[in-house]
Structures are given as structure tokens and as C-alpha cells.
PDB file of N, CA and C in Angstrom:
ATOM      1  N   UNK A   1       0.845  -1.317  -0.054  1.00  0.00           N
ATOM      2  CA  UNK A   1       0.139  -0.064  -0.046  1.00  0.00           C
ATOM      3  C   UNK A   1       1.005   1.260   0.082  1.00  0.00           C
ATOM      4  N   UNK A   2       0.617   2.155  -0.763  1.00  0.00           N
ATOM      5  CA  UNK A   2       1.150   3.391  -0.680  1.00  0.00           C
ATOM      6  C   UNK A   2       0.753   4.358   0.002  1.00  0.00           C
ATOM      7  N   UNK A   3       1.297   5.082   0.889  1.00  0.00           N
ATOM      8  CA  UNK A   3       0.624   6.094   1.942  1.00  0.00           C
ATOM      9  C   UNK A   3       0.492   7.371   1.001  1.00  0.00           C
ATOM     10  N   UNK A   4      -0.551   8.068   1.314  1.00  0.00           N
ATOM     11  CA  UNK A   4      -1.126   9.203   0.920  1.00  0.00           C
ATOM     12  C   UNK A   4      -0.363  10.453   1.640  1.00  0.00           C
ATOM     13  N   UNK A   5       0.520  11.259   0.886  1.00  0.00           N
ATOM     14  CA  UNK A   5       1.265  12.318   1.576  1.00  0.00           C
ATOM     15  C   UNK A   5       0.793  13.537   1.022  1.00  0.00           C
ATOM     16  N   UNK A   6       0.429  14.383   2.062  1.00  0.00           N
ATOM     17  CA  UNK A   6       0.164  15.982   1.773  1.00  0.00           C
ATOM     18  C   UNK A   6       1.249  16.772   2.307  1.00  0.00           C
ATOM     19  N   UNK A   7       1.623  17.733   1.774  1.00  0.00           N
ATOM     20  CA  UNK A   7       2.586  18.791   2.260  1.00  0.00           C
ATOM     21  C   UNK A   7       1.926  20.157   1.721  1.00  0.00           C
ATOM     22  N   UNK A   8       1.727  20.966   2.843  1.00  0.00           N
ATOM     23  CA  UNK A   8       1.009  22.276   2.611  1.00  0.00           C
ATOM     24  C   UNK A   8       1.464  23.397   3.452  1.00  0.00           C
ATOM     25  N   UNK A   9       1.691  24.452   2.845  1.00  0.00           N
ATOM     26  CA  UNK A   9       2.134  25.675   3.437  1.00  0.00           C
ATOM     27  C   UNK A   9       0.883  26.417   4.096  1.00  0.00           C
ATOM     28  N   UNK A  10       0.712  26.363   5.282  1.00  0.00           N
ATOM     29  CA  UNK A  10      -0.494  26.792   5.905  1.00  0.00           C
ATOM     30  C   UNK A  10      -0.098  27.817   7.093  1.00  0.00           C
ATOM     31  N   UNK A  11       0.074  28.996   6.584  1.00  0.00           N
ATOM     32  CA  UNK A  11       0.461  30.240   7.699  1.00  0.00           C
ATOM     33  C   UNK A  11      -0.554  30.381   8.744  1.00  0.00           C
ATOM     34  N   UNK A  12      -0.098  30.403  10.008  1.00  0.00           N
ATOM     35  CA  UNK A  12      -0.992  30.900  11.147  1.00  0.00           C
ATOM     36  C   UNK A  12      -1.764  29.711  11.659  1.00  0.00           C
ATOM     37  N   UNK A  13      -1.617  28.727  12.027  1.00  0.00           N
ATOM     38  CA  UNK A  13      -2.543  27.590  12.571  1.00  0.00           C
ATOM     39  C   UNK A  13      -2.940  27.990  14.145  1.00  0.00           C
ATOM     40  N   UNK A  14      -2.649  29.148  14.524  1.00  0.00           N
ATOM     41  CA  UNK A  14      -2.951  29.536  15.756  1.00  0.00           C
ATOM     42  C   UNK A  14      -4.442  29.868  16.050  1.00  0.00           C
ATOM     43  N   UNK A  15      -5.126  30.019  14.734  1.00  0.00           N
ATOM     44  CA  UNK A  15      -6.654  30.363  14.995  1.00  0.00           C
ATOM     45  C   UNK A  15      -7.373  28.921  14.908  1.00  0.00           C
ATOM     46  N   UNK A  16      -8.360  28.595  15.722  1.00  0.00           N
ATOM     47  CA  UNK A  16      -9.050  27.495  15.930  1.00  0.00           C
ATOM     48  C   UNK A  16      -9.909  27.346  14.393  1.00  0.00           C
ATOM     49  N   UNK A  17     -10.494  28.194  13.941  1.00  0.00           N
ATOM     50  CA  UNK A  17     -11.305  28.244  12.857  1.00  0.00           C
ATOM     51  C   UNK A  17     -10.406  27.586  11.675  1.00  0.00           C
ATOM     52  N   UNK A  18      -9.124  28.034  11.579  1.00  0.00           N
ATOM     53  CA  UNK A  18      -8.260  27.685  10.480  1.00  0.00           C
ATOM     54  C   UNK A  18      -7.943  26.144  10.750  1.00  0.00           C
ATOM     55  N   UNK A  19      -7.789  25.885  11.995  1.00  0.00           N
ATOM     56  CA  UNK A  19      -7.405  24.314  12.270  1.00  0.00           C
ATOM     57  C   UNK A  19      -8.513  23.510  11.819  1.00  0.00           C
ATOM     58  N   UNK A  20      -9.798  23.902  12.113  1.00  0.00           N
ATOM     59  CA  UNK A  20     -10.974  23.148  11.677  1.00  0.00           C
ATOM     60  C   UNK A  20     -11.042  23.119  10.249  1.00  0.00           C
ATOM     61  N   UNK A  21     -10.667  24.003   9.460  1.00  0.00           N
ATOM     62  CA  UNK A  21     -10.754  24.010   8.096  1.00  0.00           C
ATOM     63  C   UNK A  21      -9.813  22.957   7.670  1.00  0.00           C
ATOM     64  N   UNK A  22      -8.493  23.135   8.038  1.00  0.00           N
ATOM     65  CA  UNK A  22      -7.519  22.231   7.733  1.00  0.00           C
ATOM     66  C   UNK A  22      -7.904  20.716   7.992  1.00  0.00           C
ATOM     67  N   UNK A  23      -8.394  20.589   9.276  1.00  0.00           N
ATOM     68  CA  UNK A  23      -8.775  19.129   9.650  1.00  0.00           C
ATOM     69  C   UNK A  23      -9.717  18.554   8.677  1.00  0.00           C
ATOM     70  N   UNK A  24     -10.720  19.389   8.186  1.00  0.00           N
ATOM     71  CA  UNK A  24     -11.933  18.841   7.411  1.00  0.00           C
ATOM     72  C   UNK A  24     -11.163  18.644   6.028  1.00  0.00           C
ATOM     73  N   UNK A  25     -10.264  19.251   5.478  1.00  0.00           N
ATOM     74  CA  UNK A  25      -9.788  19.097   4.155  1.00  0.00           C
ATOM     75  C   UNK A  25      -8.910  17.840   4.355  1.00  0.00           C
ATOM     76  N   UNK A  26      -8.162  17.655   5.432  1.00  0.00           N
ATOM     77  CA  UNK A  26      -7.067  16.448   5.488  1.00  0.00           C
ATOM     78  C   UNK A  26      -8.061  15.249   5.687  1.00  0.00           C
ATOM     79  N   UNK A  27      -9.299  15.374   6.140  1.00  0.00           N
ATOM     80  CA  UNK A  27     -10.080  14.256   6.400  1.00  0.00           C
ATOM     81  C   UNK A  27     -10.626  13.830   4.883  1.00  0.00           C
ATOM     82  N   UNK A  28     -11.133  14.982   4.276  1.00  0.00           N
ATOM     83  CA  UNK A  28     -11.587  14.662   3.058  1.00  0.00           C
ATOM     84  C   UNK A  28     -10.426  13.935   1.996  1.00  0.00           C
ATOM     85  N   UNK A  29      -9.172  14.436   2.093  1.00  0.00           N
ATOM     86  CA  UNK A  29      -8.105  13.901   1.392  1.00  0.00           C
ATOM     87  C   UNK A  29      -7.644  12.532   1.777  1.00  0.00           C
ATOM     88  N   UNK A  30      -8.128  12.076   2.879  1.00  0.00           N
ATOM     89  CA  UNK A  30      -7.623  10.762   3.525  1.00  0.00           C
ATOM     90  C   UNK A  30      -6.157  10.664   3.611  1.00  0.00           C
ATOM     91  N   UNK A  31      -5.428  11.706   4.017  1.00  0.00           N
ATOM     92  CA  UNK A  31      -4.006  11.539   4.052  1.00  0.00           C
ATOM     93  C   UNK A  31      -3.329  10.855   5.145  1.00  0.00           C
ATOM     94  N   UNK A  32      -2.351  10.174   4.744  1.00  0.00           N
ATOM     95  CA  UNK A  32      -1.763   9.183   5.972  1.00  0.00           C
ATOM     96  C   UNK A  32      -0.528  10.004   6.540  1.00  0.00           C
ATOM     97  N   UNK A  33       0.228  10.698   5.760  1.00  0.00           N
ATOM     98  CA  UNK A  33       1.355  11.571   6.152  1.00  0.00           C
ATOM     99  C   UNK A  33       1.073  12.988   5.978  1.00  0.00           C
ATOM    100  N   UNK A  34       1.265  13.864   6.725  1.00  0.00           N
ATOM    101  CA  UNK A  34       0.895  15.172   6.491  1.00  0.00           C
ATOM    102  C   UNK A  34       2.088  16.200   6.934  1.00  0.00           C
ATOM    103  N   UNK A  35       2.559  17.044   6.081  1.00  0.00           N
ATOM    104  CA  UNK A  35       3.659  18.166   6.539  1.00  0.00           C
ATOM    105  C   UNK A  35       2.948  19.387   6.390  1.00  0.00           C
ATOM    106  N   UNK A  36       2.743  20.141   7.224  1.00  0.00           N
ATOM    107  CA  UNK A  36       2.415  21.558   7.401  1.00  0.00           C
ATOM    108  C   UNK A  36       3.425  22.519   7.716  1.00  0.00           C
ATOM    109  N   UNK A  37       3.893  23.486   6.805  1.00  0.00           N
ATOM    110  CA  UNK A  37       4.741  24.353   6.986  1.00  0.00           C
ATOM    111  C   UNK A  37       4.286  25.816   7.224  1.00  0.00           C
ATOM    112  N   UNK A  38       4.923  26.737   8.034  1.00  0.00           N
ATOM    113  CA  UNK A  38       4.591  27.991   8.323  1.00  0.00           C
ATOM    114  C   UNK A  38       3.526  28.226   9.282  1.00  0.00           C
ATOM    115  N   UNK A  39       3.512  27.188  10.336  1.00  0.00           N
ATOM    116  CA  UNK A  39       2.494  27.014  11.198  1.00  0.00           C
ATOM    117  C   UNK A  39       2.353  28.187  12.175  1.00  0.00           C
ATOM    118  N   UNK A  40       3.545  28.806  12.381  1.00  0.00           N
ATOM    119  CA  UNK A  40       3.758  30.073  13.346  1.00  0.00           C
ATOM    120  C   UNK A  40       3.309  29.540  14.671  1.00  0.00           C
ATOM    121  N   UNK A  41       3.614  28.464  15.216  1.00  0.00           N
ATOM    122  CA  UNK A  41       3.333  27.920  16.441  1.00  0.00           C
ATOM    123  C   UNK A  41       4.722  27.705  17.015  1.00  0.00           C
ATOM    124  N   UNK A  42       4.792  28.122  18.365  1.00  0.00           N
ATOM    125  CA  UNK A  42       6.006  27.699  19.374  1.00  0.00           C
ATOM    126  C   UNK A  42       5.793  26.375  19.770  1.00  0.00           C
ATOM    127  N   UNK A  43       4.688  25.744  19.944  1.00  0.00           N
ATOM    128  CA  UNK A  43       4.534  24.542  20.691  1.00  0.00           C
ATOM    129  C   UNK A  43       3.355  23.877  20.004  1.00  0.00           C
ATOM    130  N   UNK A  44       3.672  22.546  19.595  1.00  0.00           N
ATOM    131  CA  UNK A  44       2.423  21.684  19.126  1.00  0.00           C
ATOM    132  C   UNK A  44       2.456  20.528  19.949  1.00  0.00           C
ATOM    133  N   UNK A  45       1.438  20.567  20.645  1.00  0.00           N
ATOM    134  CA  UNK A  45       1.058  19.434  21.590  1.00  0.00           C
ATOM    135  C   UNK A  45      -0.108  18.508  21.074  1.00  0.00           C
ATOM    136  N   UNK A  46      -0.464  17.577  22.011  1.00  0.00           N
ATOM    137  CA  UNK A  46      -1.637  16.721  21.737  1.00  0.00           C
ATOM    138  C   UNK A  46      -2.783  17.434  21.536  1.00  0.00           C
ATOM    139  N   UNK A  47      -3.087  18.621  22.174  1.00  0.00           N
ATOM    140  CA  UNK A  47      -4.495  19.216  21.836  1.00  0.00           C
ATOM    141  C   UNK A  47      -4.310  19.840  20.590  1.00  0.00           C
ATOM    142  N   UNK A  48      -3.353  20.553  19.939  1.00  0.00           N
ATOM    143  CA  UNK A  48      -3.381  21.182  18.776  1.00  0.00           C
ATOM    144  C   UNK A  48      -3.284  19.913  17.652  1.00  0.00           C
ATOM    145  N   UNK A  49      -2.512  18.843  17.850  1.00  0.00           N
ATOM    146  CA  UNK A  49      -2.612  17.598  16.881  1.00  0.00           C
ATOM    147  C   UNK A  49      -4.128  17.216  16.535  1.00  0.00           C
ATOM    148  N   UNK A  50      -4.812  17.037  17.829  1.00  0.00           N
ATOM    149  CA  UNK A  50      -6.011  16.486  17.882  1.00  0.00           C
ATOM    150  C   UNK A  50      -7.188  17.633  17.090  1.00  0.00           C
ATOM    151  N   UNK A  51      -6.681  18.703  17.225  1.00  0.00           N
ATOM    152  CA  UNK A  51      -7.587  19.705  16.399  1.00  0.00           C
ATOM    153  C   UNK A  51      -7.368  19.734  14.881  1.00  0.00           C
ATOM    154  N   UNK A  52      -6.281  18.918  14.511  1.00  0.00           N
ATOM    155  CA  UNK A  52      -5.967  18.883  13.081  1.00  0.00           C
ATOM    156  C   UNK A  52      -6.203  17.528  12.440  1.00  0.00           C
ATOM    157  N   UNK A  53      -6.176  16.592  13.274  1.00  0.00           N
ATOM    158  CA  UNK A  53      -6.124  15.153  12.911  1.00  0.00           C
ATOM    159  C   UNK A  53      -7.437  14.418  13.462  1.00  0.00           C
ATOM    160  N   UNK A  54      -7.995  13.800  12.606  1.00  0.00           N
ATOM    161  CA  UNK A  54      -9.440  12.951  13.037  1.00  0.00           C
ATOM    162  C   UNK A  54      -8.823  11.739  13.460  1.00  0.00           C
ATOM    163  N   UNK A  55      -9.124  11.229  14.634  1.00  0.00           N
ATOM    164  CA  UNK A  55      -8.637   9.821  15.253  1.00  0.00           C
ATOM    165  C   UNK A  55      -7.658   9.695  16.238  1.00  0.00           C
ATOM    166  N   UNK A  56      -7.549   8.822  16.853  1.00  0.00           N
ATOM    167  CA  UNK A  56      -6.346   8.632  17.897  1.00  0.00           C
ATOM    168  C   UNK A  56      -5.144   8.125  17.484  1.00  0.00           C
ATOM    169  N   UNK A  57      -5.019   7.612  16.311  1.00  0.00           N
ATOM    170  CA  UNK A  57      -3.856   6.884  15.831  1.00  0.00           C
ATOM    171  C   UNK A  57      -2.911   7.815  15.034  1.00  0.00           C
ATOM    172  N   UNK A  58      -2.570   8.815  15.643  1.00  0.00           N
ATOM    173  CA  UNK A  58      -1.687   9.726  15.088  1.00  0.00           C
ATOM    174  C   UNK A  58      -0.504  10.023  15.990  1.00  0.00           C
ATOM    175  N   UNK A  59       0.675  10.120  15.208  1.00  0.00           N
ATOM    176  CA  UNK A  59       1.866  10.653  16.153  1.00  0.00           C
ATOM    177  C   UNK A  59       2.357  12.135  15.239  1.00  0.00           C
ATOM    178  N   UNK A  60       3.278  12.522  15.733  1.00  0.00           N
ATOM    179  CA  UNK A  60       3.954  13.725  15.061  1.00  0.00           C
ATOM    180  C   UNK A  60       5.251  14.064  15.721  1.00  0.00           C
ATOM    181  N   UNK A  61       5.935  14.716  14.680  1.00  0.00           N
ATOM    182  CA  UNK A  61       7.349  15.694  15.028  1.00  0.00           C
ATOM    183  C   UNK A  61       7.033  17.173  14.507  1.00  0.00           C
ATOM    184  N   UNK A  62       7.858  17.905  15.239  1.00  0.00           N
ATOM    185  CA  UNK A  62       7.648  19.521  14.916  1.00  0.00           C
ATOM    186  C   UNK A  62       8.887  20.232  15.092  1.00  0.00           C
ATOM    187  N   UNK A  63       8.918  21.414  14.440  1.00  0.00           N
ATOM    188  CA  UNK A  63      10.004  22.236  14.564  1.00  0.00           C
ATOM    189  C   UNK A  63       9.247  23.488  14.956  1.00  0.00           C
ATOM    190  N   UNK A  64       9.411  24.049  16.178  1.00  0.00           N
ATOM    191  CA  UNK A  64       8.798  25.322  16.742  1.00  0.00           C
ATOM    192  C   UNK A  64       9.046  26.574  15.844  1.00  0.00           C
ATOM    193  N   UNK A  65       8.046  27.438  15.625  1.00  0.00           N
ATOM    194  CA  UNK A  65       8.301  28.657  14.781  1.00  0.00           C
ATOM    195  C   UNK A  65       9.605  29.469  15.442  1.00  0.00           C
ATOM    196  N   UNK A  66      10.065  30.361  14.842  1.00  0.00           N
ATOM    197  CA  UNK A  66      10.920  31.293  15.419  1.00  0.00           C
ATOM    198  C   UNK A  66      10.504  32.696  15.371  1.00  0.00           C
ATOM    199  N   UNK A  67      10.019  33.302  16.442  1.00  0.00           N
ATOM    200  CA  UNK A  67       9.198  34.558  16.313  1.00  0.00           C
ATOM    201  C   UNK A  67       7.845  34.264  15.414  1.00  0.00           C
ATOM    202  N   UNK A  68       7.796  35.133  14.575  1.00  0.00           N
ATOM    203  CA  UNK A  68       6.525  35.162  13.772  1.00  0.00           C
ATOM    204  C   UNK A  68       6.648  34.543  12.434  1.00  0.00           C
ATOM    205  N   UNK A  69       8.008  33.757  12.247  1.00  0.00           N
ATOM    206  CA  UNK A  69       8.047  33.030  10.943  1.00  0.00           C
ATOM    207  C   UNK A  69       8.315  31.495  11.319  1.00  0.00           C
ATOM    208  N   UNK A  70       8.165  30.613  10.290  1.00  0.00           N
ATOM    209  CA  UNK A  70       8.404  29.336  10.373  1.00  0.00           C
ATOM    210  C   UNK A  70       7.581  28.363  11.209  1.00  0.00           C
ATOM    211  N   UNK A  71       8.056  27.161  11.489  1.00  0.00           N
ATOM    212  CA  UNK A  71       7.093  26.309  12.201  1.00  0.00           C
ATOM    213  C   UNK A  71       6.547  25.401  11.235  1.00  0.00           C
ATOM    214  N   UNK A  72       7.006  24.004  11.460  1.00  0.00           N
ATOM    215  CA  UNK A  72       6.784  22.797  10.713  1.00  0.00           C
ATOM    216  C   UNK A  72       6.123  21.682  11.677  1.00  0.00           C
ATOM    217  N   UNK A  73       5.303  20.872  11.147  1.00  0.00           N
ATOM    218  CA  UNK A  73       4.789  19.774  11.877  1.00  0.00           C
ATOM    219  C   UNK A  73       4.461  18.763  10.839  1.00  0.00           C
ATOM    220  N   UNK A  74       4.984  17.552  11.095  1.00  0.00           N
ATOM    221  CA  UNK A  74       4.768  16.326  10.486  1.00  0.00           C
ATOM    222  C   UNK A  74       3.814  15.457  11.316  1.00  0.00           C
ATOM    223  N   UNK A  75       2.755  14.991  10.595  1.00  0.00           N
ATOM    224  CA  UNK A  75       1.849  14.080  11.373  1.00  0.00           C
ATOM    225  C   UNK A  75       1.590  12.839  10.675  1.00  0.00           C
ATOM    226  N   UNK A  76       1.316  11.654  11.334  1.00  0.00           N
ATOM    227  CA  UNK A  76       1.200  10.374  10.435  1.00  0.00           C
ATOM    228  C   UNK A  76       0.148   9.501  11.082  1.00  0.00           C
ATOM    229  N   UNK A  77      -0.364   8.739  10.338  1.00  0.00           N
ATOM    230  CA  UNK A  77      -1.217   7.626  10.894  1.00  0.00           C
ATOM    231  C   UNK A  77      -0.463   6.438  11.323  1.00  0.00           C
ATOM    232  N   UNK A  78      -0.465   6.148  12.598  1.00  0.00           N
ATOM    233  CA  UNK A  78       0.592   4.817  12.951  1.00  0.00           C
ATOM    234  C   UNK A  78      -0.136   3.717  12.450  1.00  0.00           C
ATOM    235  N   UNK A  79      -1.282   3.488  12.060  1.00  0.00           N
ATOM    236  CA  UNK A  79      -1.774   2.285  11.467  1.00  0.00           C
ATOM    237  C   UNK A  79      -1.183   1.969  10.042  1.00  0.00           C
ATOM    238  N   UNK A  80      -0.634   3.103   9.505  1.00  0.00           N
ATOM    239  CA  UNK A  80      -0.362   2.977   8.090  1.00  0.00           C
ATOM    240  C   UNK A  80       1.487   2.919   7.996  1.00  0.00           C
ATOM    241  N   UNK A  81       2.005   3.922   8.857  1.00  0.00           N
ATOM    242  CA  UNK A  81       3.437   4.146   8.739  1.00  0.00           C
ATOM    243  C   UNK A  81       3.867   3.969  10.331  1.00  0.00           C
ATOM    244  N   UNK A  82       5.195   3.763  10.433  1.00  0.00           N
ATOM    245  CA  UNK A  82       5.790   3.681  11.741  1.00  0.00           C
ATOM    246  C   UNK A  82       6.894   4.458  11.471  1.00  0.00           C
ATOM    247  N   UNK A  83       7.258   5.579  12.375  1.00  0.00           N
ATOM    248  CA  UNK A  83       8.406   6.333  12.064  1.00  0.00           C
ATOM    249  C   UNK A  83       9.547   5.648  12.611  1.00  0.00           C
ATOM    250  N   UNK A  84      10.490   5.442  11.673  1.00  0.00           N
ATOM    251  CA  UNK A  84      11.826   4.835  12.113  1.00  0.00           C
ATOM    252  C   UNK A  84      12.921   6.016  12.695  1.00  0.00           C
ATOM    253  N   UNK A  85      13.036   7.058  12.173  1.00  0.00           N
ATOM    254  CA  UNK A  85      13.867   8.168  12.832  1.00  0.00           C
ATOM    255  C   UNK A  85      13.176   9.507  12.382  1.00  0.00           C
ATOM    256  N   UNK A  86      13.734  10.490  13.134  1.00  0.00           N
ATOM    257  CA  UNK A  86      13.603  11.908  12.537  1.00  0.00           C
ATOM    258  C   UNK A  86      14.628  12.727  13.003  1.00  0.00           C
ATOM    259  N   UNK A  87      14.724  13.796  12.141  1.00  0.00           N
ATOM    260  CA  UNK A  87      15.876  14.754  12.408  1.00  0.00           C
ATOM    261  C   UNK A  87      15.224  16.167  12.243  1.00  0.00           C
ATOM    262  N   UNK A  88      15.526  16.856  13.482  1.00  0.00           N
ATOM    263  CA  UNK A  88      14.756  18.185  13.508  1.00  0.00           C
ATOM    264  C   UNK A  88      15.976  19.076  13.213  1.00  0.00           C
ATOM    265  N   UNK A  89      15.985  19.788  12.171  1.00  0.00           N
ATOM    266  CA  UNK A  89      16.982  20.743  11.730  1.00  0.00           C
ATOM    267  C   UNK A  89      16.710  22.295  12.214  1.00  0.00           C
ATOM    268  N   UNK A  90      17.502  23.170  11.854  1.00  0.00           N
ATOM    269  CA  UNK A  90      17.171  24.584  12.157  1.00  0.00           C
ATOM    270  C   UNK A  90      16.061  24.978  11.487  1.00  0.00           C
ATOM    271  N   UNK A  91      15.837  24.624  10.141  1.00  0.00           N
ATOM    272  CA  UNK A  91      14.767  25.126   9.290  1.00  0.00           C
ATOM    273  C   UNK A  91      14.009  23.679   8.714  1.00  0.00           C
ATOM    274  N   UNK A  92      14.163  22.602   9.218  1.00  0.00           N
ATOM    275  CA  UNK A  92      13.388  21.651   8.667  1.00  0.00           C
ATOM    276  C   UNK A  92      13.020  20.479   9.553  1.00  0.00           C
ATOM    277  N   UNK A  93      12.205  19.521   9.113  1.00  0.00           N
ATOM    278  CA  UNK A  93      11.695  18.404   9.920  1.00  0.00           C
ATOM    279  C   UNK A  93      11.939  17.106   8.603  1.00  0.00           C
ATOM    280  N   UNK A  94      12.904  16.211   8.925  1.00  0.00           N
ATOM    281  CA  UNK A  94      12.912  15.099   8.118  1.00  0.00           C
ATOM    282  C   UNK A  94      12.606  13.777   8.841  1.00  0.00           C
ATOM    283  N   UNK A  95      11.650  12.888   8.199  1.00  0.00           N
ATOM    284  CA  UNK A  95      11.263  11.798   8.949  1.00  0.00           C
ATOM    285  C   UNK A  95      11.419  10.524   7.917  1.00  0.00           C
ATOM    286  N   UNK A  96      11.799   9.381   8.446  1.00  0.00           N
ATOM    287  CA  UNK A  96      11.891   8.208   7.649  1.00  0.00           C
ATOM    288  C   UNK A  96      10.963   7.274   8.295  1.00  0.00           C
ATOM    289  N   UNK A  97      10.205   6.593   7.486  1.00  0.00           N
ATOM    290  CA  UNK A  97       8.987   5.831   7.753  1.00  0.00           C
ATOM    291  C   UNK A  97       9.181   4.296   7.078  1.00  0.00           C
ATOM    292  N   UNK A  98       8.519   3.486   7.926  1.00  0.00           N
ATOM    293  CA  UNK A  98       8.349   2.088   7.357  1.00  0.00           C
ATOM    294  C   UNK A  98       6.803   1.907   7.296  1.00  0.00           C
ATOM    295  N   UNK A  99       6.343   1.329   6.207  1.00  0.00           N
ATOM    296  CA  UNK A  99       4.910   0.785   5.959  1.00  0.00           C
ATOM    297  C   UNK A  99       4.630  -0.193   6.845  1.00  0.00           C
ATOM    298  N   UNK A 100       3.569  -0.015   7.589  1.00  0.00           N
ATOM    299  CA  UNK A 100       3.007  -1.254   8.471  1.00  0.00           C
ATOM    300  C   UNK A 100       2.772  -2.410   7.793  1.00  0.00           C
ATOM    301  N   UNK A 101       2.086  -2.290   6.491  1.00  0.00           N
ATOM    302  CA  UNK A 101       1.554  -3.436   5.631  1.00  0.00           C
ATOM    303  C   UNK A 101       2.721  -4.281   5.248  1.00  0.00           C
ATOM    304  N   UNK A 102       3.809  -3.798   4.654  1.00  0.00           N
ATOM    305  CA  UNK A 102       4.963  -4.519   4.080  1.00  0.00           C
ATOM    306  C   UNK A 102       6.321  -4.266   4.399  1.00  0.00           C
ATOM    307  N   UNK A 103       6.474  -3.495   5.432  1.00  0.00           N
ATOM    308  CA  UNK A 103       7.738  -3.184   6.190  1.00  0.00           C
ATOM    309  C   UNK A 103       8.662  -2.264   5.064  1.00  0.00           C
ATOM    310  N   UNK A 104       8.083  -1.831   3.961  1.00  0.00           N
ATOM    311  CA  UNK A 104       9.035  -0.987   3.075  1.00  0.00           C
ATOM    312  C   UNK A 104       9.309   0.446   3.706  1.00  0.00           C
ATOM    313  N   UNK A 105      10.661   0.594   3.643  1.00  0.00           N
ATOM    314  CA  UNK A 105      11.087   1.836   4.237  1.00  0.00           C
ATOM    315  C   UNK A 105      10.952   2.825   3.087  1.00  0.00           C
TER     316      UNK A 105
END
């Protein structure tokens, strides 16, 4: 099975209404792995992730914003992929995944 990946520049996820719109689109697109850039968020905790992702089978890695710029969050469905490793850089988040169904890296 090939995971569905969405990468999106979504400035300003600090507004609840915007997170709801993003959540509804991600549900409609049925994404398995999601990368959101320019979040403008200093902290991404379970509460923020739950406002973006439907269901409880989610995990994430993130890079906090630097002042009023930047911020990256990568989220994934643990039933579809398993994170092997991640690397949080100064400006990026890189993740390596293994498919649950066939162990493909």
C-alpha cells in the first residue's frame, strides 16, 4: 500500500477556525502523512494535533516557529506507517518511515 502524503504551506495555525478547516480538508483527502509548513506555532502538543487530525492513531514531530516565522509539523497515521527516525534541523523536519503493511522503508 502506498501512503497518501500531503505537504501544505498553511500560515497561522494559531486560529481555531483555520485548524478546523485544515482538519476537514485532511479528512476529505484521507492523508496518511501530512507536513504543514509556516504554522507560526511555538509548541505543537496533543491538543493542537487533535484539532488537526481525526482519530487517535496519530503521531507527530515538529519544529517550533522562530518568532513570527516558520514552524513545521509532520503528522502520520500509526496504522499506516511507523516512524523509524526523525531529524529536526534549524529550518526543517525530516522523517523516515516504514509501511506497516509490508515493512517498506
